[in-house]
Amino acid sequence: MKYVKLIFLLTFLSSCSTNKSVVGLYGKCGKSYFACTQIELKADKTFEYFIFMDVGGESVVKGTWNKLSNDTIALNTYNQPEIPKTTYEGKVNPELTGKVKIKISDKNGALGFANVQINDKKLGVGANQNGIAEFETESIKNVHYSFLGQEETIEIDNPNYNNIEVLIKDLDINAVPEFLTNYKIVVNGKKLIMDSEYIYKKTNLKNKQWK
């Protein structure tokens, strides 16, 4: 029993030490900056992500963080998408002989003039104002859409579907992310690495640029 308690205590202390090692402020802004990004990881497993741009001003995105491994943490904003995943409904319409009709929508309605491609992007057209795109083809393998910088490929499980309605996940197209869902960050010593290219060094909390 003593050994079990000792192991539990060591595990707890190790966890506290690991969490404490990543807690702090990352990213330092220069004087009279036109753009700045900082992220603060707090001891209570919450974070604040500060983004300043000369044109848009400052924004602070808030949420929680958790440790995935010794060198990786995940961020989740408090604000999460209503529709986190793109889905579709397909059916066979006997009146659409030799054609495939696709409608692209989001939670607010049809995505007029979205770019739609099918079958590994071999065929592509622009949707009309009602989000509808039609193709001359006998079968369907996948649908690819792009709209205002967001794009995605949806695999279709029945090649005979010729009437397909796609409901896309919530758009997050602003320069400042509206939500982060299990967004992974690599911890390398006193550095945070985001998207494999943006590196933020740990800095003194007095350099924090927001309240």
C-alpha atoms as a PDB file:
ATOM      1  CA  MET A   1       0.000   0.000   0.000  1.00  0.00           C
ATOM      2  CA  LYS A   2       2.881   2.355   0.805  1.00  0.00           C
ATOM      3  CA  TYR A   3       4.360   1.735  -2.640  1.00  0.00           C
ATOM      4  CA  VAL A   4       1.022   2.502  -4.329  1.00  0.00           C
ATOM      5  CA  LYS A   5       0.764   5.807  -2.448  1.00  0.00           C
ATOM      6  CA  LEU A   6       4.359   6.647  -3.337  1.00  0.00           C
ATOM      7  CA  ILE A   7       3.777   5.957  -7.035  1.00  0.00           C
ATOM      8  CA  PHE A   8       0.599   8.079  -6.965  1.00  0.00           C
ATOM      9  CA  LEU A   9       2.452  10.935  -5.262  1.00  0.00           C
ATOM     10  CA  LEU A  10       5.330  10.830  -7.746  1.00  0.00           C
ATOM     11  CA  THR A  11       2.904  10.770 -10.676  1.00  0.00           C
ATOM     12  CA  PHE A  12       0.993  13.735  -9.250  1.00  0.00           C
ATOM     13  CA  LEU A  13       4.164  15.745  -8.647  1.00  0.00           C
ATOM     14  CA  SER A  14       5.434  14.925 -12.132  1.00  0.00           C
ATOM     15  CA  SER A  15       2.152  16.108 -13.641  1.00  0.00           C
ATOM     16  CA  CYS A  16       2.268  19.352 -11.667  1.00  0.00           C
ATOM     17  CA  SER A  17       5.873  19.931 -12.715  1.00  0.00           C
ATOM     18  CA  THR A  18       5.068  19.332 -16.391  1.00  0.00           C
ATOM     19  CA  ASN A  19       2.063  21.663 -16.302  1.00  0.00           C
ATOM     20  CA  LYS A  20       4.064  24.341 -14.506  1.00  0.00           C
ATOM     21  CA  SER A  21       6.845  24.124 -17.082  1.00  0.00           C
ATOM     22  CA  VAL A  22       4.543  25.163 -19.943  1.00  0.00           C
ATOM     23  CA  VAL A  23       2.572  27.766 -18.003  1.00  0.00           C
ATOM     24  CA  GLY A  24       3.456  31.307 -18.969  1.00  0.00           C
ATOM     25  CA  LEU A  25       3.396  33.941 -21.694  1.00  0.00           C
ATOM     26  CA  TYR A  26       4.721  33.246 -25.184  1.00  0.00           C
ATOM     27  CA  GLY A  27       5.513  35.778 -27.880  1.00  0.00           C
ATOM     28  CA  LYS A  28       7.079  39.198 -27.443  1.00  0.00           C
ATOM     29  CA  CYS A  29       5.876  42.286 -29.281  1.00  0.00           C
ATOM     30  CA  GLY A  30       8.314  44.934 -30.399  1.00  0.00           C
ATOM     31  CA  LYS A  31       7.931  48.625 -29.682  1.00  0.00           C
ATOM     32  CA  SER A  32       5.344  50.464 -31.808  1.00  0.00           C
ATOM     33  CA  TYR A  33       4.300  47.182 -33.412  1.00  0.00           C
ATOM     34  CA  PHE A  34       1.851  46.944 -36.323  1.00  0.00           C
ATOM     35  CA  ALA A  35       1.117  43.271 -35.699  1.00  0.00           C
ATOM     36  CA  CYS A  36       1.560  41.095 -32.640  1.00  0.00           C
ATOM     37  CA  THR A  37       0.554  37.644 -31.433  1.00  0.00           C
ATOM     38  CA  GLN A  38       0.879  36.316 -27.891  1.00  0.00           C
ATOM     39  CA  ILE A  39      -0.545  33.354 -26.043  1.00  0.00           C
ATOM     40  CA  GLU A  40      -0.747  32.871 -22.294  1.00  0.00           C
ATOM     41  CA  LEU A  41      -1.103  29.372 -20.857  1.00  0.00           C
ATOM     42  CA  LYS A  42      -2.425  29.586 -17.319  1.00  0.00           C
ATOM     43  CA  ALA A  43      -1.972  27.192 -14.415  1.00  0.00           C
ATOM     44  CA  ASP A  44      -5.732  26.554 -14.224  1.00  0.00           C
ATOM     45  CA  LYS A  45      -5.601  25.012 -17.731  1.00  0.00           C
ATOM     46  CA  THR A  46      -7.118  28.053 -19.446  1.00  0.00           C
ATOM     47  CA  PHE A  47      -5.492  30.155 -22.160  1.00  0.00           C
ATOM     48  CA  GLU A  48      -5.777  33.589 -23.733  1.00  0.00           C
ATOM     49  CA  TYR A  49      -4.697  34.061 -27.350  1.00  0.00           C
ATOM     50  CA  PHE A  50      -3.977  37.713 -28.197  1.00  0.00           C
ATOM     51  CA  ILE A  51      -3.884  38.839 -31.829  1.00  0.00           C
ATOM     52  CA  PHE A  52      -3.293  42.438 -32.907  1.00  0.00           C
ATOM     53  CA  MET A  53      -3.366  43.709 -36.482  1.00  0.00           C
ATOM     54  CA  ASP A  54      -2.927  47.303 -37.542  1.00  0.00           C
ATOM     55  CA  VAL A  55      -6.119  47.213 -39.603  1.00  0.00           C
ATOM     56  CA  GLY A  56      -8.415  45.129 -37.404  1.00  0.00           C
ATOM     57  CA  GLY A  57      -7.179  46.103 -33.955  1.00  0.00           C
ATOM     58  CA  GLU A  58      -6.848  43.608 -31.118  1.00  0.00           C
ATOM     59  CA  SER A  59      -8.761  40.434 -30.313  1.00  0.00           C
ATOM     60  CA  VAL A  60      -8.431  37.955 -27.456  1.00  0.00           C
ATOM     61  CA  VAL A  61      -9.589  34.370 -27.980  1.00  0.00           C
ATOM     62  CA  LYS A  62     -10.149  32.382 -24.772  1.00  0.00           C
ATOM     63  CA  GLY A  63     -10.506  28.721 -23.899  1.00  0.00           C
ATOM     64  CA  THR A  64      -8.888  25.736 -22.210  1.00  0.00           C
ATOM     65  CA  TRP A  65      -5.739  23.729 -22.869  1.00  0.00           C
ATOM     66  CA  ASN A  66      -4.779  20.168 -22.044  1.00  0.00           C
ATOM     67  CA  LYS A  67      -1.669  18.063 -22.384  1.00  0.00           C
ATOM     68  CA  LEU A  68      -1.718  15.346 -25.063  1.00  0.00           C
ATOM     69  CA  SER A  69       1.884  14.187 -24.668  1.00  0.00           C
ATOM     70  CA  ASN A  70       5.212  15.399 -23.308  1.00  0.00           C
ATOM     71  CA  ASP A  71       5.639  17.793 -26.227  1.00  0.00           C
ATOM     72  CA  THR A  72       2.088  18.502 -27.413  1.00  0.00           C
ATOM     73  CA  ILE A  73      -0.876  20.389 -25.987  1.00  0.00           C
ATOM     74  CA  ALA A  74      -4.338  21.010 -27.437  1.00  0.00           C
ATOM     75  CA  LEU A  75      -6.373  24.217 -27.368  1.00  0.00           C
ATOM     76  CA  ASN A  76     -10.167  24.381 -27.292  1.00  0.00           C
ATOM     77  CA  THR A  77     -11.946  27.726 -27.345  1.00  0.00           C
ATOM     78  CA  TYR A  78     -15.021  28.254 -25.213  1.00  0.00           C
ATOM     79  CA  ASN A  79     -16.884  29.122 -28.397  1.00  0.00           C
ATOM     80  CA  GLN A  80     -17.311  25.964 -30.475  1.00  0.00           C
ATOM     81  CA  PRO A  81     -18.974  25.507 -33.882  1.00  0.00           C
ATOM     82  CA  GLU A  82     -22.672  24.643 -34.047  1.00  0.00           C
ATOM     83  CA  ILE A  83     -21.923  22.347 -36.984  1.00  0.00           C
ATOM     84  CA  PRO A  84     -18.431  20.914 -36.365  1.00  0.00           C
ATOM     85  CA  LYS A  85     -18.445  18.445 -39.251  1.00  0.00           C
ATOM     86  CA  THR A  86     -19.582  18.533 -42.874  1.00  0.00           C
ATOM     87  CA  THR A  87     -22.325  16.043 -43.748  1.00  0.00           C
ATOM     88  CA  TYR A  88     -24.372  15.195 -46.813  1.00  0.00           C
ATOM     89  CA  GLU A  89     -27.599  13.532 -47.867  1.00  0.00           C
ATOM     90  CA  GLY A  90     -27.758  11.690 -51.170  1.00  0.00           C
ATOM     91  CA  LYS A  91     -30.460   9.993 -53.178  1.00  0.00           C
ATOM     92  CA  VAL A  92     -31.085   8.568 -56.621  1.00  0.00           C
ATOM     93  CA  ASN A  93     -33.408  10.738 -58.700  1.00  0.00           C
ATOM     94  CA  PRO A  94     -34.612   8.839 -61.809  1.00  0.00           C
ATOM     95  CA  GLU A  95     -35.388  12.136 -63.536  1.00  0.00           C
ATOM     96  CA  LEU A  96     -31.712  13.158 -63.518  1.00  0.00           C
ATOM     97  CA  THR A  97     -30.481  10.706 -66.149  1.00  0.00           C
ATOM     98  CA  GLY A  98     -26.789  11.195 -66.879  1.00  0.00           C
ATOM     99  CA  LYS A  99     -26.585  14.140 -64.487  1.00  0.00           C
ATOM    100  CA  VAL A 100     -25.531  14.852 -60.910  1.00  0.00           C
ATOM    101  CA  LYS A 101     -27.066  17.759 -59.012  1.00  0.00           C
ATOM    102  CA  ILE A 102     -25.270  19.098 -55.931  1.00  0.00           C
ATOM    103  CA  LYS A 103     -26.414  21.774 -53.497  1.00  0.00           C
ATOM    104  CA  ILE A 104     -23.943  23.376 -51.072  1.00  0.00           C
ATOM    105  CA  SER A 105     -25.299  25.026 -47.910  1.00  0.00           C
ATOM    106  CA  ASP A 106     -24.203  26.090 -44.455  1.00  0.00           C
ATOM    107  CA  LYS A 107     -26.264  26.734 -41.323  1.00  0.00           C
ATOM    108  CA  ASN A 108     -27.424  30.078 -42.748  1.00  0.00           C
ATOM    109  CA  GLY A 109     -28.580  28.741 -46.105  1.00  0.00           C
ATOM    110  CA  ALA A 110     -27.318  28.163 -49.630  1.00  0.00           C
ATOM    111  CA  LEU A 111     -23.728  29.102 -50.514  1.00  0.00           C
ATOM    112  CA  GLY A 112     -24.311  30.945 -53.747  1.00  0.00           C
ATOM    113  CA  PHE A 113     -21.444  30.955 -56.252  1.00  0.00           C
ATOM    114  CA  ALA A 114     -19.297  28.464 -54.327  1.00  0.00           C
ATOM    115  CA  ASN A 115     -16.762  26.614 -56.459  1.00  0.00           C
ATOM    116  CA  VAL A 116     -17.732  22.929 -56.757  1.00  0.00           C
ATOM    117  CA  GLN A 117     -15.633  20.095 -58.188  1.00  0.00           C
ATOM    118  CA  ILE A 118     -16.290  16.366 -58.354  1.00  0.00           C
ATOM    119  CA  ASN A 119     -14.495  13.073 -58.960  1.00  0.00           C
ATOM    120  CA  ASP A 120     -11.020  14.082 -57.791  1.00  0.00           C
ATOM    121  CA  LYS A 121     -11.517  17.585 -59.233  1.00  0.00           C
ATOM    122  CA  LYS A 122     -11.837  16.298 -62.803  1.00  0.00           C
ATOM    123  CA  LEU A 123     -15.016  18.314 -63.322  1.00  0.00           C
ATOM    124  CA  GLY A 124     -15.772  21.706 -61.844  1.00  0.00           C
ATOM    125  CA  VAL A 125     -18.326  24.507 -62.083  1.00  0.00           C
ATOM    126  CA  GLY A 126     -19.472  27.478 -60.074  1.00  0.00           C
ATOM    127  CA  ALA A 127     -22.691  27.018 -58.145  1.00  0.00           C
ATOM    128  CA  ASN A 128     -25.580  29.324 -58.973  1.00  0.00           C
ATOM    129  CA  GLN A 129     -27.060  31.824 -56.525  1.00  0.00           C
ATOM    130  CA  ASN A 130     -28.981  28.988 -54.871  1.00  0.00           C
ATOM    131  CA  GLY A 131     -25.803  26.994 -54.207  1.00  0.00           C
ATOM    132  CA  ILE A 132     -26.639  24.421 -56.898  1.00  0.00           C
ATOM    133  CA  ALA A 133     -24.115  22.926 -59.318  1.00  0.00           C
ATOM    134  CA  GLU A 134     -24.969  20.394 -62.036  1.00  0.00           C
ATOM    135  CA  PHE A 135     -22.645  18.002 -63.848  1.00  0.00           C
ATOM    136  CA  GLU A 136     -22.945  15.756 -66.887  1.00  0.00           C
ATOM    137  CA  THR A 137     -21.732  12.459 -65.430  1.00  0.00           C
ATOM    138  CA  GLU A 138     -23.000   8.950 -64.710  1.00  0.00           C
ATOM    139  CA  SER A 139     -21.398   8.471 -61.288  1.00  0.00           C
ATOM    140  CA  ILE A 140     -20.007  10.369 -58.327  1.00  0.00           C
ATOM    141  CA  LYS A 141     -16.946   9.614 -56.197  1.00  0.00           C
ATOM    142  CA  ASN A 142     -16.411  12.769 -54.157  1.00  0.00           C
ATOM    143  CA  VAL A 143     -17.370  16.432 -53.938  1.00  0.00           C
ATOM    144  CA  HIS A 144     -14.922  19.264 -53.349  1.00  0.00           C
ATOM    145  CA  TYR A 145     -16.100  22.767 -52.502  1.00  0.00           C
ATOM    146  CA  SER A 146     -14.255  26.022 -51.895  1.00  0.00           C
ATOM    147  CA  PHE A 147     -15.825  29.175 -50.529  1.00  0.00           C
ATOM    148  CA  LEU A 148     -14.131  32.310 -49.194  1.00  0.00           C
ATOM    149  CA  GLY A 149     -10.881  30.482 -48.500  1.00  0.00           C
ATOM    150  CA  GLN A 150     -12.416  27.414 -46.858  1.00  0.00           C
ATOM    151  CA  GLU A 151     -12.325  24.176 -48.826  1.00  0.00           C
ATOM    152  CA  GLU A 152     -12.966  20.510 -48.217  1.00  0.00           C
ATOM    153  CA  THR A 153     -13.434  17.194 -50.010  1.00  0.00           C
ATOM    154  CA  ILE A 154     -16.410  14.984 -49.113  1.00  0.00           C
ATOM    155  CA  GLU A 155     -16.302  11.307 -50.049  1.00  0.00           C
ATOM    156  CA  ILE A 156     -19.619   9.939 -51.365  1.00  0.00           C
ATOM    157  CA  ASP A 157     -20.390   6.367 -50.316  1.00  0.00           C
ATOM    158  CA  ASN A 158     -22.790   5.551 -53.168  1.00  0.00           C
ATOM    159  CA  PRO A 159     -21.581   6.274 -56.733  1.00  0.00           C
ATOM    160  CA  ASN A 160     -25.183   6.163 -57.985  1.00  0.00           C
ATOM    161  CA  TYR A 161     -26.341   9.179 -55.997  1.00  0.00           C
ATOM    162  CA  ASN A 162     -27.248  11.941 -58.421  1.00  0.00           C
ATOM    163  CA  ASN A 163     -29.012  14.364 -56.095  1.00  0.00           C
ATOM    164  CA  ILE A 164     -26.763  15.425 -53.228  1.00  0.00           C
ATOM    165  CA  GLU A 165     -27.175  18.107 -50.573  1.00  0.00           C
ATOM    166  CA  VAL A 166     -24.014  19.052 -48.663  1.00  0.00           C
ATOM    167  CA  LEU A 167     -24.243  20.858 -45.315  1.00  0.00           C
ATOM    168  CA  ILE A 168     -20.782  22.226 -44.576  1.00  0.00           C
ATOM    169  CA  LYS A 169     -19.214  22.753 -41.174  1.00  0.00           C
ATOM    170  CA  ASP A 170     -19.272  26.250 -39.720  1.00  0.00           C
ATOM    171  CA  LEU A 171     -17.165  28.694 -41.682  1.00  0.00           C
ATOM    172  CA  ASP A 172     -14.171  30.158 -39.861  1.00  0.00           C
ATOM    173  CA  ILE A 173     -12.753  32.497 -42.454  1.00  0.00           C
ATOM    174  CA  ASN A 174     -11.656  35.527 -40.452  1.00  0.00           C
ATOM    175  CA  ALA A 175      -8.026  36.423 -39.822  1.00  0.00           C
ATOM    176  CA  VAL A 176      -8.730  35.899 -36.118  1.00  0.00           C
ATOM    177  CA  PRO A 177     -10.011  32.344 -35.523  1.00  0.00           C
ATOM    178  CA  GLU A 178     -13.524  32.209 -34.105  1.00  0.00           C
ATOM    179  CA  PHE A 179     -12.996  28.775 -32.642  1.00  0.00           C
ATOM    180  CA  LEU A 180     -10.247  26.220 -32.071  1.00  0.00           C
ATOM    181  CA  THR A 181     -11.097  22.544 -31.640  1.00  0.00           C
ATOM    182  CA  ASN A 182      -8.335  20.231 -30.412  1.00  0.00           C
ATOM    183  CA  TYR A 183      -5.851  22.611 -32.021  1.00  0.00           C
ATOM    184  CA  LYS A 184      -2.426  21.065 -31.474  1.00  0.00           C
ATOM    185  CA  ILE A 185       0.648  23.057 -30.430  1.00  0.00           C
ATOM    186  CA  VAL A 186       4.139  21.622 -30.045  1.00  0.00           C
ATOM    187  CA  VAL A 187       6.071  22.539 -26.900  1.00  0.00           C
ATOM    188  CA  ASN A 188       9.824  22.631 -27.471  1.00  0.00           C
ATOM    189  CA  GLY A 189      11.656  23.806 -24.383  1.00  0.00           C
ATOM    190  CA  LYS A 190      10.622  27.421 -23.878  1.00  0.00           C
ATOM    191  CA  LYS A 191       8.998  27.686 -27.295  1.00  0.00           C
ATOM    192  CA  LEU A 192       5.525  27.064 -28.682  1.00  0.00           C
ATOM    193  CA  ILE A 193       5.320  25.970 -32.311  1.00  0.00           C
ATOM    194  CA  MET A 194       2.015  26.527 -34.101  1.00  0.00           C
ATOM    195  CA  ASP A 195       1.207  25.188 -37.582  1.00  0.00           C
ATOM    196  CA  SER A 196       4.798  23.869 -37.822  1.00  0.00           C
ATOM    197  CA  GLU A 197       6.132  27.333 -38.673  1.00  0.00           C
ATOM    198  CA  TYR A 198       5.108  29.998 -36.164  1.00  0.00           C
ATOM    199  CA  ILE A 199       7.426  29.971 -33.158  1.00  0.00           C
ATOM    200  CA  TYR A 200       6.659  31.900 -29.978  1.00  0.00           C
ATOM    201  CA  LYS A 201       9.335  32.151 -27.309  1.00  0.00           C
ATOM    202  CA  LYS A 202       8.517  32.270 -23.624  1.00  0.00           C
ATOM    203  CA  THR A 203       8.730  35.771 -22.212  1.00  0.00           C
ATOM    204  CA  ASN A 204       8.189  37.600 -18.946  1.00  0.00           C
ATOM    205  CA  LEU A 205       4.554  38.115 -18.004  1.00  0.00           C
ATOM    206  CA  LYS A 206       5.200  41.864 -17.725  1.00  0.00           C
ATOM    207  CA  ASN A 207       5.386  41.913 -21.549  1.00  0.00           C
ATOM    208  CA  LYS A 208       1.698  40.977 -21.817  1.00  0.00           C
ATOM    209  CA  GLN A 209      -0.061  43.388 -24.193  1.00  0.00           C
ATOM    210  CA  TRP A 210      -3.666  43.063 -22.994  1.00  0.00           C
ATOM    211  CA  LYS A 211      -5.505  43.223 -19.690  1.00  0.00           C
END
